[in-house]
Amino acid sequence: MDTHTEFYWTKTQRNAPAIQIGTDLYRIQKQNKNGSIRFTCTDERCNASVTMIENKIKFIRGIHRHEERMLPFHIGEVVHEFRQAAVSEIRTPLPQIYDRITKKFVCINI
């Protein structure tokens, strides 16, 4: 693949290693003897796959047969942080937590 495709290492709902490209989540299907790793879309109806070698995407194949399933990674990180703070800071009002986290998010992405 000639262009650089941005991806993020993450986990599936069952805590297995996965990668996220845009709004699509791929789980590991197979690790080959040549060191490449094949990932398939986590949606059963979908035939999209990704092949990585040395932590770089070499091939993206197939067509996604579903709507967008996930938030973009940076937004998902903010949502995750908000949920964690809401659970751990029980006495703090949610609007305060929201304001604190979104300010941090805006500072990072501007």
PDB file of N, CA and C in Angstrom:
ATOM      1  N   MET A   1       0.854  -1.165   0.000  1.00  0.00           N
ATOM      2  CA  MET A   1       0.000   0.000   0.000  1.00  0.00           C
ATOM      3  C   MET A   1       0.900   1.227   0.000  1.00  0.00           C
ATOM      4  N   ASP A   2       0.676   2.128  -0.921  1.00  0.00           N
ATOM      5  CA  ASP A   2       1.546   3.280  -1.089  1.00  0.00           C
ATOM      6  C   ASP A   2       1.278   4.403  -0.090  1.00  0.00           C
ATOM      7  N   THR A   3       0.037   4.587   0.299  1.00  0.00           N
ATOM      8  CA  THR A   3      -0.284   5.675   1.223  1.00  0.00           C
ATOM      9  C   THR A   3      -0.255   5.183   2.666  1.00  0.00           C
ATOM     10  N   HIS A   4      -0.030   6.105   3.567  1.00  0.00           N
ATOM     11  CA  HIS A   4       0.004   5.771   4.994  1.00  0.00           C
ATOM     12  C   HIS A   4      -1.425   5.798   5.533  1.00  0.00           C
ATOM     13  N   THR A   5      -1.877   4.682   6.065  1.00  0.00           N
ATOM     14  CA  THR A   5      -3.200   4.599   6.671  1.00  0.00           C
ATOM     15  C   THR A   5      -3.035   4.625   8.178  1.00  0.00           C
ATOM     16  N   GLU A   6      -3.712   5.556   8.820  1.00  0.00           N
ATOM     17  CA  GLU A   6      -3.603   5.693  10.270  1.00  0.00           C
ATOM     18  C   GLU A   6      -4.497   4.668  10.961  1.00  0.00           C
ATOM     19  N   PHE A   7      -3.943   3.988  11.948  1.00  0.00           N
ATOM     20  CA  PHE A   7      -4.710   3.016  12.726  1.00  0.00           C
ATOM     21  C   PHE A   7      -4.299   3.134  14.180  1.00  0.00           C
ATOM     22  N   TYR A   8      -5.130   2.559  15.049  1.00  0.00           N
ATOM     23  CA  TYR A   8      -4.874   2.585  16.486  1.00  0.00           C
ATOM     24  C   TYR A   8      -5.031   1.183  17.035  1.00  0.00           C
ATOM     25  N   TRP A   9      -4.115   0.789  17.903  1.00  0.00           N
ATOM     26  CA  TRP A   9      -4.260  -0.481  18.612  1.00  0.00           C
ATOM     27  C   TRP A   9      -5.312  -0.293  19.693  1.00  0.00           C
ATOM     28  N   THR A  10      -6.202  -1.229  19.814  1.00  0.00           N
ATOM     29  CA  THR A  10      -7.260  -1.167  20.802  1.00  0.00           C
ATOM     30  C   THR A  10      -7.642  -2.591  21.190  1.00  0.00           C
ATOM     31  N   LYS A  11      -8.815  -2.773  21.759  1.00  0.00           N
ATOM     32  CA  LYS A  11      -9.286  -4.104  22.159  1.00  0.00           C
ATOM     33  C   LYS A  11     -10.734  -4.281  21.714  1.00  0.00           C
ATOM     34  N   THR A  12     -11.127  -5.534  21.502  1.00  0.00           N
ATOM     35  CA  THR A  12     -12.513  -5.845  21.193  1.00  0.00           C
ATOM     36  C   THR A  12     -13.312  -5.848  22.490  1.00  0.00           C
ATOM     37  N   GLN A  13     -14.621  -6.077  22.395  1.00  0.00           N
ATOM     38  CA  GLN A  13     -15.453  -6.149  23.597  1.00  0.00           C
ATOM     39  C   GLN A  13     -15.028  -7.296  24.494  1.00  0.00           C
ATOM     40  N   ARG A  14     -14.431  -8.332  23.915  1.00  0.00           N
ATOM     41  CA  ARG A  14     -13.954  -9.475  24.699  1.00  0.00           C
ATOM     42  C   ARG A  14     -12.495  -9.320  25.117  1.00  0.00           C
ATOM     43  N   ASN A  15     -11.978  -8.104  24.975  1.00  0.00           N
ATOM     44  CA  ASN A  15     -10.633  -7.759  25.419  1.00  0.00           C
ATOM     45  C   ASN A  15      -9.525  -8.394  24.586  1.00  0.00           C
ATOM     46  N   ALA A  16      -9.821  -8.777  23.355  1.00  0.00           N
ATOM     47  CA  ALA A  16      -8.801  -9.327  22.454  1.00  0.00           C
ATOM     48  C   ALA A  16      -8.139  -8.163  21.704  1.00  0.00           C
ATOM     49  N   PRO A  17      -6.868  -8.308  21.317  1.00  0.00           N
ATOM     50  CA  PRO A  17      -6.205  -7.232  20.582  1.00  0.00           C
ATOM     51  C   PRO A  17      -6.916  -6.961  19.255  1.00  0.00           C
ATOM     52  N   ALA A  18      -6.975  -5.682  18.895  1.00  0.00           N
ATOM     53  CA  ALA A  18      -7.644  -5.283  17.658  1.00  0.00           C
ATOM     54  C   ALA A  18      -7.042  -3.974  17.181  1.00  0.00           C
ATOM     55  N   ILE A  19      -7.390  -3.600  15.952  1.00  0.00           N
ATOM     56  CA  ILE A  19      -7.006  -2.286  15.439  1.00  0.00           C
ATOM     57  C   ILE A  19      -8.267  -1.567  14.972  1.00  0.00           C
ATOM     58  N   GLN A  20      -8.211  -0.247  15.050  1.00  0.00           N
ATOM     59  CA  GLN A  20      -9.310   0.572  14.573  1.00  0.00           C
ATOM     60  C   GLN A  20      -8.786   1.477  13.474  1.00  0.00           C
ATOM     61  N   ILE A  21      -9.468   1.441  12.330  1.00  0.00           N
ATOM     62  CA  ILE A  21      -9.163   2.323  11.207  1.00  0.00           C
ATOM     63  C   ILE A  21     -10.425   3.124  10.949  1.00  0.00           C
ATOM     64  N   GLY A  22     -10.358   4.405  11.167  1.00  0.00           N
ATOM     65  CA  GLY A  22     -11.557   5.232  11.038  1.00  0.00           C
ATOM     66  C   GLY A  22     -12.594   4.781  12.041  1.00  0.00           C
ATOM     67  N   THR A  23     -13.750   4.363  11.548  1.00  0.00           N
ATOM     68  CA  THR A  23     -14.808   3.896  12.445  1.00  0.00           C
ATOM     69  C   THR A  23     -14.955   2.379  12.406  1.00  0.00           C
ATOM     70  N   ASP A  24     -14.015   1.688  11.778  1.00  0.00           N
ATOM     71  CA  ASP A  24     -14.098   0.236  11.635  1.00  0.00           C
ATOM     72  C   ASP A  24     -13.118  -0.467  12.581  1.00  0.00           C
ATOM     73  N   LEU A  25     -13.587  -1.546  13.185  1.00  0.00           N
ATOM     74  CA  LEU A  25     -12.784  -2.313  14.125  1.00  0.00           C
ATOM     75  C   LEU A  25     -12.444  -3.668  13.510  1.00  0.00           C
ATOM     76  N   TYR A  26     -11.167  -4.053  13.594  1.00  0.00           N
ATOM     77  CA  TYR A  26     -10.694  -5.316  13.042  1.00  0.00           C
ATOM     78  C   TYR A  26     -10.061  -6.151  14.146  1.00  0.00           C
ATOM     79  N   ARG A  27     -10.379  -7.432  14.169  1.00  0.00           N
ATOM     80  CA  ARG A  27      -9.786  -8.347  15.142  1.00  0.00           C
ATOM     81  C   ARG A  27      -8.738  -9.209  14.439  1.00  0.00           C
ATOM     82  N   ILE A  28      -7.824  -9.772  15.213  1.00  0.00           N
ATOM     83  CA  ILE A  28      -6.807 -10.644  14.632  1.00  0.00           C
ATOM     84  C   ILE A  28      -7.466 -11.950  14.202  1.00  0.00           C
ATOM     85  N   GLN A  29      -7.256 -12.304  12.955  1.00  0.00           N
ATOM     86  CA  GLN A  29      -7.749 -13.583  12.461  1.00  0.00           C
ATOM     87  C   GLN A  29      -6.628 -14.614  12.438  1.00  0.00           C
ATOM     88  N   LYS A  30      -5.423 -14.162  12.006  1.00  0.00           N
ATOM     89  CA  LYS A  30      -4.342 -15.130  11.832  1.00  0.00           C
ATOM     90  C   LYS A  30      -2.994 -14.416  11.865  1.00  0.00           C
ATOM     91  N   GLN A  31      -2.027 -15.072  12.513  1.00  0.00           N
ATOM     92  CA  GLN A  31      -0.649 -14.597  12.468  1.00  0.00           C
ATOM     93  C   GLN A  31       0.131 -15.577  11.596  1.00  0.00           C
ATOM     94  N   ASN A  32       0.717 -15.074  10.523  1.00  0.00           N
ATOM     95  CA  ASN A  32       1.394 -15.922   9.554  1.00  0.00           C
ATOM     96  C   ASN A  32       2.856 -16.151   9.912  1.00  0.00           C
ATOM     97  N   LYS A  33       3.447 -17.188   9.326  1.00  0.00           N
ATOM     98  CA  LYS A  33       4.845 -17.523   9.602  1.00  0.00           C
ATOM     99  C   LYS A  33       5.807 -16.435   9.141  1.00  0.00           C
ATOM    100  N   ASN A  34       5.424 -15.666   8.117  1.00  0.00           N
ATOM    101  CA  ASN A  34       6.306 -14.611   7.609  1.00  0.00           C
ATOM    102  C   ASN A  34       6.264 -13.343   8.461  1.00  0.00           C
ATOM    103  N   GLY A  35       5.512 -13.362   9.566  1.00  0.00           N
ATOM    104  CA  GLY A  35       5.434 -12.225  10.475  1.00  0.00           C
ATOM    105  C   GLY A  35       4.262 -11.306  10.224  1.00  0.00           C
ATOM    106  N   SER A  36       3.522 -11.547   9.151  1.00  0.00           N
ATOM    107  CA  SER A  36       2.361 -10.698   8.872  1.00  0.00           C
ATOM    108  C   SER A  36       1.179 -11.128   9.740  1.00  0.00           C
ATOM    109  N   ILE A  37       0.285 -10.189   9.965  1.00  0.00           N
ATOM    110  CA  ILE A  37      -0.920 -10.449  10.752  1.00  0.00           C
ATOM    111  C   ILE A  37      -2.118 -10.066   9.900  1.00  0.00           C
ATOM    112  N   ARG A  38      -3.097 -10.954   9.839  1.00  0.00           N
ATOM    113  CA  ARG A  38      -4.326 -10.670   9.091  1.00  0.00           C
ATOM    114  C   ARG A  38      -5.425 -10.345  10.093  1.00  0.00           C
ATOM    115  N   PHE A  39      -6.087  -9.228   9.863  1.00  0.00           N
ATOM    116  CA  PHE A  39      -7.203  -8.776  10.679  1.00  0.00           C
ATOM    117  C   PHE A  39      -8.469  -8.835   9.835  1.00  0.00           C
ATOM    118  N   THR A  40      -9.591  -9.193  10.455  1.00  0.00           N
ATOM    119  CA  THR A  40     -10.872  -9.157   9.766  1.00  0.00           C
ATOM    120  C   THR A  40     -11.818  -8.253  10.540  1.00  0.00           C
ATOM    121  N   CYS A  41     -12.774  -7.696   9.824  1.00  0.00           N
ATOM    122  CA  CYS A  41     -13.757  -6.817  10.450  1.00  0.00           C
ATOM    123  C   CYS A  41     -14.520  -7.599  11.515  1.00  0.00           C
ATOM    124  N   THR A  42     -14.855  -6.944  12.606  1.00  0.00           N
ATOM    125  CA  THR A  42     -15.553  -7.625  13.703  1.00  0.00           C
ATOM    126  C   THR A  42     -17.019  -7.884  13.388  1.00  0.00           C
ATOM    127  N   ASP A  43     -17.551  -7.269  12.345  1.00  0.00           N
ATOM    128  CA  ASP A  43     -18.935  -7.525  11.943  1.00  0.00           C
ATOM    129  C   ASP A  43     -18.969  -8.808  11.111  1.00  0.00           C
ATOM    130  N   GLU A  44     -19.757  -9.782  11.542  1.00  0.00           N
ATOM    131  CA  GLU A  44     -19.795 -11.092  10.883  1.00  0.00           C
ATOM    132  C   GLU A  44     -20.215 -11.016   9.421  1.00  0.00           C
ATOM    133  N   ARG A  45     -21.050 -10.049   9.064  1.00  0.00           N
ATOM    134  CA  ARG A  45     -21.546  -9.939   7.695  1.00  0.00           C
ATOM    135  C   ARG A  45     -20.536  -9.316   6.750  1.00  0.00           C
ATOM    136  N   CYS A  46     -19.447  -8.847   7.264  1.00  0.00           N
ATOM    137  CA  CYS A  46     -18.495  -8.045   6.502  1.00  0.00           C
ATOM    138  C   CYS A  46     -17.305  -8.882   6.051  1.00  0.00           C
ATOM    139  N   ASN A  47     -16.826  -8.635   4.829  1.00  0.00           N
ATOM    140  CA  ASN A  47     -15.667  -9.382   4.346  1.00  0.00           C
ATOM    141  C   ASN A  47     -14.402  -8.527   4.271  1.00  0.00           C
ATOM    142  N   ALA A  48     -14.405  -7.356   4.868  1.00  0.00           N
ATOM    143  CA  ALA A  48     -13.232  -6.482   4.838  1.00  0.00           C
ATOM    144  C   ALA A  48     -12.109  -7.061   5.705  1.00  0.00           C
ATOM    145  N   SER A  49     -10.868  -6.903   5.229  1.00  0.00           N
ATOM    146  CA  SER A  49      -9.725  -7.400   5.983  1.00  0.00           C
ATOM    147  C   SER A  49      -8.529  -6.469   5.784  1.00  0.00           C
ATOM    148  N   VAL A  50      -7.572  -6.605   6.688  1.00  0.00           N
ATOM    149  CA  VAL A  50      -6.355  -5.803   6.668  1.00  0.00           C
ATOM    150  C   VAL A  50      -5.185  -6.741   6.918  1.00  0.00           C
ATOM    151  N   THR A  51      -4.102  -6.558   6.181  1.00  0.00           N
ATOM    152  CA  THR A  51      -2.878  -7.313   6.422  1.00  0.00           C
ATOM    153  C   THR A  51      -1.787  -6.343   6.847  1.00  0.00           C
ATOM    154  N   MET A  52      -1.149  -6.651   7.969  1.00  0.00           N
ATOM    155  CA  MET A  52      -0.073  -5.809   8.492  1.00  0.00           C
ATOM    156  C   MET A  52       1.225  -6.599   8.536  1.00  0.00           C
ATOM    157  N   ILE A  53       2.324  -5.903   8.219  1.00  0.00           N
ATOM    158  CA  ILE A  53       3.661  -6.468   8.358  1.00  0.00           C
ATOM    159  C   ILE A  53       4.502  -5.411   9.064  1.00  0.00           C
ATOM    160  N   GLU A  54       5.180  -5.812  10.131  1.00  0.00           N
ATOM    161  CA  GLU A  54       6.046  -4.918  10.909  1.00  0.00           C
ATOM    162  C   GLU A  54       5.318  -3.640  11.329  1.00  0.00           C
ATOM    163  N   ASN A  55       4.105  -3.809  11.826  1.00  0.00           N
ATOM    164  CA  ASN A  55       3.306  -2.700  12.359  1.00  0.00           C
ATOM    165  C   ASN A  55       2.924  -1.665  11.301  1.00  0.00           C
ATOM    166  N   LYS A  56       2.935  -2.058  10.029  1.00  0.00           N
ATOM    167  CA  LYS A  56       2.514  -1.181   8.928  1.00  0.00           C
ATOM    168  C   LYS A  56       1.463  -1.910   8.102  1.00  0.00           C
ATOM    169  N   ILE A  57       0.446  -1.189   7.698  1.00  0.00           N
ATOM    170  CA  ILE A  57      -0.614  -1.786   6.888  1.00  0.00           C
ATOM    171  C   ILE A  57      -0.109  -1.953   5.462  1.00  0.00           C
ATOM    172  N   LYS A  58      -0.193  -3.187   4.960  1.00  0.00           N
ATOM    173  CA  LYS A  58       0.239  -3.486   3.593  1.00  0.00           C
ATOM    174  C   LYS A  58      -0.945  -3.617   2.646  1.00  0.00           C
ATOM    175  N   PHE A  59      -2.040  -4.210   3.104  1.00  0.00           N
ATOM    176  CA  PHE A  59      -3.204  -4.412   2.239  1.00  0.00           C
ATOM    177  C   PHE A  59      -4.490  -4.159   3.016  1.00  0.00           C
ATOM    178  N   ILE A  60      -5.454  -3.542   2.339  1.00  0.00           N
ATOM    179  CA  ILE A  60      -6.821  -3.449   2.846  1.00  0.00           C
ATOM    180  C   ILE A  60      -7.700  -4.012   1.750  1.00  0.00           C
ATOM    181  N   ARG A  61      -8.478  -5.026   2.077  1.00  0.00           N
ATOM    182  CA  ARG A  61      -9.305  -5.701   1.077  1.00  0.00           C
ATOM    183  C   ARG A  61     -10.758  -5.755   1.526  1.00  0.00           C
ATOM    184  N   GLY A  62     -11.658  -5.890   0.563  1.00  0.00           N
ATOM    185  CA  GLY A  62     -13.062  -6.114   0.853  1.00  0.00           C
ATOM    186  C   GLY A  62     -13.854  -4.834   1.007  1.00  0.00           C
ATOM    187  N   ILE A  63     -15.140  -5.032   1.141  1.00  0.00           N
ATOM    188  CA  ILE A  63     -16.088  -3.928   1.264  1.00  0.00           C
ATOM    189  C   ILE A  63     -16.843  -4.094   2.574  1.00  0.00           C
ATOM    190  N   HIS A  64     -16.949  -3.017   3.328  1.00  0.00           N
ATOM    191  CA  HIS A  64     -17.712  -3.084   4.578  1.00  0.00           C
ATOM    192  C   HIS A  64     -19.190  -3.178   4.251  1.00  0.00           C
ATOM    193  N   ARG A  65     -19.851  -4.157   4.805  1.00  0.00           N
ATOM    194  CA  ARG A  65     -21.268  -4.399   4.535  1.00  0.00           C
ATOM    195  C   ARG A  65     -22.115  -4.027   5.754  1.00  0.00           C
ATOM    196  N   HIS A  66     -21.822  -2.884   6.322  1.00  0.00           N
ATOM    197  CA  HIS A  66     -22.550  -2.421   7.495  1.00  0.00           C
ATOM    198  C   HIS A  66     -22.354  -0.927   7.631  1.00  0.00           C
ATOM    199  N   GLU A  67     -23.170  -0.326   8.469  1.00  0.00           N
ATOM    200  CA  GLU A  67     -23.022   1.100   8.751  1.00  0.00           C
ATOM    201  C   GLU A  67     -21.804   1.303   9.647  1.00  0.00           C
ATOM    202  N   GLU A  68     -21.399   2.558   9.802  1.00  0.00           N
ATOM    203  CA  GLU A  68     -20.305   2.854  10.714  1.00  0.00           C
ATOM    204  C   GLU A  68     -20.684   2.372  12.106  1.00  0.00           C
ATOM    205  N   ARG A  69     -19.767   1.696  12.765  1.00  0.00           N
ATOM    206  CA  ARG A  69     -20.075   1.065  14.038  1.00  0.00           C
ATOM    207  C   ARG A  69     -19.468   1.786  15.228  1.00  0.00           C
ATOM    208  N   MET A  70     -18.405   2.505  15.022  1.00  0.00           N
ATOM    209  CA  MET A  70     -17.668   3.057  16.158  1.00  0.00           C
ATOM    210  C   MET A  70     -17.442   4.549  15.980  1.00  0.00           C
ATOM    211  N   LEU A  71     -17.185   5.195  17.093  1.00  0.00           N
ATOM    212  CA  LEU A  71     -16.778   6.591  17.046  1.00  0.00           C
ATOM    213  C   LEU A  71     -15.334   6.650  16.566  1.00  0.00           C
ATOM    214  N   PRO A  72     -14.920   7.738  15.924  1.00  0.00           N
ATOM    215  CA  PRO A  72     -13.502   7.900  15.628  1.00  0.00           C
ATOM    216  C   PRO A  72     -12.694   7.748  16.917  1.00  0.00           C
ATOM    217  N   PHE A  73     -11.467   7.257  16.802  1.00  0.00           N
ATOM    218  CA  PHE A  73     -10.673   6.865  17.965  1.00  0.00           C
ATOM    219  C   PHE A  73     -10.537   7.984  18.991  1.00  0.00           C
ATOM    220  N   HIS A  74     -10.203   9.196  18.573  1.00  0.00           N
ATOM    221  CA  HIS A  74      -9.984  10.280  19.537  1.00  0.00           C
ATOM    222  C   HIS A  74     -11.261  10.624  20.295  1.00  0.00           C
ATOM    223  N   ILE A  75     -12.408  10.529  19.657  1.00  0.00           N
ATOM    224  CA  ILE A  75     -13.669  10.786  20.351  1.00  0.00           C
ATOM    225  C   ILE A  75     -13.988   9.637  21.302  1.00  0.00           C
ATOM    226  N   GLY A  76     -13.720   8.418  20.859  1.00  0.00           N
ATOM    227  CA  GLY A  76     -13.922   7.256  21.721  1.00  0.00           C
ATOM    228  C   GLY A  76     -13.085   7.323  22.984  1.00  0.00           C
ATOM    229  N   GLU A  77     -11.872   7.849  22.869  1.00  0.00           N
ATOM    230  CA  GLU A  77     -11.008   8.008  24.039  1.00  0.00           C
ATOM    231  C   GLU A  77     -11.625   8.988  25.036  1.00  0.00           C
ATOM    232  N   VAL A  78     -12.196  10.080  24.552  1.00  0.00           N
ATOM    233  CA  VAL A  78     -12.828  11.073  25.430  1.00  0.00           C
ATOM    234  C   VAL A  78     -14.042  10.457  26.122  1.00  0.00           C
ATOM    235  N   VAL A  79     -14.854   9.725  25.364  1.00  0.00           N
ATOM    236  CA  VAL A  79     -16.036   9.077  25.944  1.00  0.00           C
ATOM    237  C   VAL A  79     -15.605   8.082  27.019  1.00  0.00           C
ATOM    238  N   HIS A  80     -14.572   7.301  26.743  1.00  0.00           N
ATOM    239  CA  HIS A  80     -14.068   6.324  27.716  1.00  0.00           C
ATOM    240  C   HIS A  80     -13.581   7.033  28.983  1.00  0.00           C
ATOM    241  N   GLU A  81     -12.826   8.111  28.801  1.00  0.00           N
ATOM    242  CA  GLU A  81     -12.322   8.858  29.964  1.00  0.00           C
ATOM    243  C   GLU A  81     -13.477   9.440  30.781  1.00  0.00           C
ATOM    244  N   PHE A  82     -14.506   9.952  30.111  1.00  0.00           N
ATOM    245  CA  PHE A  82     -15.667  10.502  30.803  1.00  0.00           C
ATOM    246  C   PHE A  82     -16.366   9.419  31.617  1.00  0.00           C
ATOM    247  N   ARG A  83     -16.563   8.262  31.022  1.00  0.00           N
ATOM    248  CA  ARG A  83     -17.225   7.158  31.737  1.00  0.00           C
ATOM    249  C   ARG A  83     -16.430   6.738  32.966  1.00  0.00           C
ATOM    250  N   GLN A  84     -15.113   6.630  32.808  1.00  0.00           N
ATOM    251  CA  GLN A  84     -14.265   6.243  33.938  1.00  0.00           C
ATOM    252  C   GLN A  84     -14.346   7.271  35.055  1.00  0.00           C
ATOM    253  N   ALA A  85     -14.312   8.550  34.694  1.00  0.00           N
ATOM    254  CA  ALA A  85     -14.373   9.614  35.701  1.00  0.00           C
ATOM    255  C   ALA A  85     -15.737   9.627  36.381  1.00  0.00           C
ATOM    256  N   ALA A  86     -16.796   9.399  35.623  1.00  0.00           N
ATOM    257  CA  ALA A  86     -18.145   9.402  36.201  1.00  0.00           C
ATOM    258  C   ALA A  86     -18.297   8.304  37.244  1.00  0.00           C
ATOM    259  N   VAL A  87     -17.662   7.169  37.012  1.00  0.00           N
ATOM    260  CA  VAL A  87     -17.741   6.051  37.952  1.00  0.00           C
ATOM    261  C   VAL A  87     -16.838   6.279  39.166  1.00  0.00           C
ATOM    262  N   SER A  88     -15.654   6.816  38.940  1.00  0.00           N
ATOM    263  CA  SER A  88     -14.700   6.955  40.042  1.00  0.00           C
ATOM    264  C   SER A  88     -14.899   8.226  40.872  1.00  0.00           C
ATOM    265  N   GLU A  89     -15.514   9.258  40.293  1.00  0.00           N
ATOM    266  CA  GLU A  89     -15.730  10.517  41.005  1.00  0.00           C
ATOM    267  C   GLU A  89     -17.225  10.688  41.280  1.00  0.00           C
ATOM    268  N   ILE A  90     -17.753   9.846  42.112  1.00  0.00           N
ATOM    269  CA  ILE A  90     -19.198   9.800  42.355  1.00  0.00           C
ATOM    270  C   ILE A  90     -19.738  11.125  42.888  1.00  0.00           C
ATOM    271  N   ARG A  91     -18.975  11.821  43.701  1.00  0.00           N
ATOM    272  CA  ARG A  91     -19.461  13.055  44.322  1.00  0.00           C
ATOM    273  C   ARG A  91     -19.336  14.285  43.408  1.00  0.00           C
ATOM    274  N   THR A  92     -18.642  14.151  42.288  1.00  0.00           N
ATOM    275  CA  THR A  92     -18.482  15.280  41.375  1.00  0.00           C
ATOM    276  C   THR A  92     -19.648  15.310  40.394  1.00  0.00           C
ATOM    277  N   PRO A  93     -20.309  16.452  40.225  1.00  0.00           N
ATOM    278  CA  PRO A  93     -21.418  16.541  39.272  1.00  0.00           C
ATOM    279  C   PRO A  93     -20.935  16.251  37.839  1.00  0.00           C
ATOM    280  N   LEU A  94     -21.762  15.555  37.078  1.00  0.00           N
ATOM    281  CA  LEU A  94     -21.394  15.177  35.713  1.00  0.00           C
ATOM    282  C   LEU A  94     -21.046  16.376  34.831  1.00  0.00           C
ATOM    283  N   PRO A  95     -21.774  17.498  34.927  1.00  0.00           N
ATOM    284  CA  PRO A  95     -21.382  18.644  34.091  1.00  0.00           C
ATOM    285  C   PRO A  95     -19.954  19.126  34.363  1.00  0.00           C
ATOM    286  N   GLN A  96     -19.504  19.048  35.628  1.00  0.00           N
ATOM    287  CA  GLN A  96     -18.125  19.440  35.949  1.00  0.00           C
ATOM    288  C   GLN A  96     -17.135  18.494  35.292  1.00  0.00           C
ATOM    289  N   ILE A  97     -17.405  17.209  35.387  1.00  0.00           N
ATOM    290  CA  ILE A  97     -16.523  16.215  34.753  1.00  0.00           C
ATOM    291  C   ILE A  97     -16.494  16.452  33.250  1.00  0.00           C
ATOM    292  N   TYR A  98     -17.662  16.645  32.663  1.00  0.00           N
ATOM    293  CA  TYR A  98     -17.773  16.877  31.224  1.00  0.00           C
ATOM    294  C   TYR A  98     -16.952  18.093  30.805  1.00  0.00           C
ATOM    295  N   ASP A  99     -17.109  19.204  31.525  1.00  0.00           N
ATOM    296  CA  ASP A  99     -16.377  20.427  31.191  1.00  0.00           C
ATOM    297  C   ASP A  99     -14.871  20.207  31.273  1.00  0.00           C
ATOM    298  N   ARG A 100     -14.411  19.553  32.327  1.00  0.00           N
ATOM    299  CA  ARG A 100     -12.980  19.313  32.500  1.00  0.00           C
ATOM    300  C   ARG A 100     -12.414  18.468  31.362  1.00  0.00           C
ATOM    301  N   ILE A 101     -13.100  17.412  31.007  1.00  0.00           N
ATOM    302  CA  ILE A 101     -12.591  16.498  29.982  1.00  0.00           C
ATOM    303  C   ILE A 101     -12.668  17.126  28.597  1.00  0.00           C
ATOM    304  N   THR A 102     -13.752  17.814  28.296  1.00  0.00           N
ATOM    305  CA  THR A 102     -13.859  18.426  26.965  1.00  0.00           C
ATOM    306  C   THR A 102     -12.861  19.560  26.790  1.00  0.00           C
ATOM    307  N   LYS A 103     -12.538  20.299  27.845  1.00  0.00           N
ATOM    308  CA  LYS A 103     -11.508  21.335  27.751  1.00  0.00           C
ATOM    309  C   LYS A 103     -10.165  20.708  27.412  1.00  0.00           C
ATOM    310  N   LYS A 104      -9.865  19.597  28.048  1.00  0.00           N
ATOM    311  CA  LYS A 104      -8.615  18.896  27.769  1.00  0.00           C
ATOM    312  C   LYS A 104      -8.590  18.411  26.318  1.00  0.00           C
ATOM    313  N   PHE A 105      -9.701  17.896  25.855  1.00  0.00           N
ATOM    314  CA  PHE A 105      -9.814  17.399  24.491  1.00  0.00           C
ATOM    315  C   PHE A 105      -9.610  18.543  23.485  1.00  0.00           C
ATOM    316  N   VAL A 106     -10.239  19.686  23.725  1.00  0.00           N
ATOM    317  CA  VAL A 106     -10.109  20.821  22.829  1.00  0.00           C
ATOM    318  C   VAL A 106      -8.663  21.313  22.791  1.00  0.00           C
ATOM    319  N   CYS A 107      -8.004  21.373  23.940  1.00  0.00           N
ATOM    320  CA  CYS A 107      -6.607  21.820  24.000  1.00  0.00           C
ATOM    321  C   CYS A 107      -5.692  20.891  23.224  1.00  0.00           C
ATOM    322  N   ILE A 108      -5.939  19.614  23.269  1.00  0.00           N
ATOM    323  CA  ILE A 108      -5.097  18.643  22.586  1.00  0.00           C
ATOM    324  C   ILE A 108      -5.294  18.711  21.084  1.00  0.00           C
ATOM    325  N   ASN A 109      -6.523  18.907  20.612  1.00  0.00           N
ATOM    326  CA  ASN A 109      -6.837  18.808  19.187  1.00  0.00           C
ATOM    327  C   ASN A 109      -6.906  20.140  18.450  1.00  0.00           C
ATOM    328  N   ILE A 110      -6.540  21.224  19.099  1.00  0.00           N
ATOM    329  CA  ILE A 110      -6.527  22.515  18.387  1.00  0.00           C
ATOM    330  C   ILE A 110      -5.111  22.939  18.118  1.00  0.00           C
TER     331      ILE A 110
END
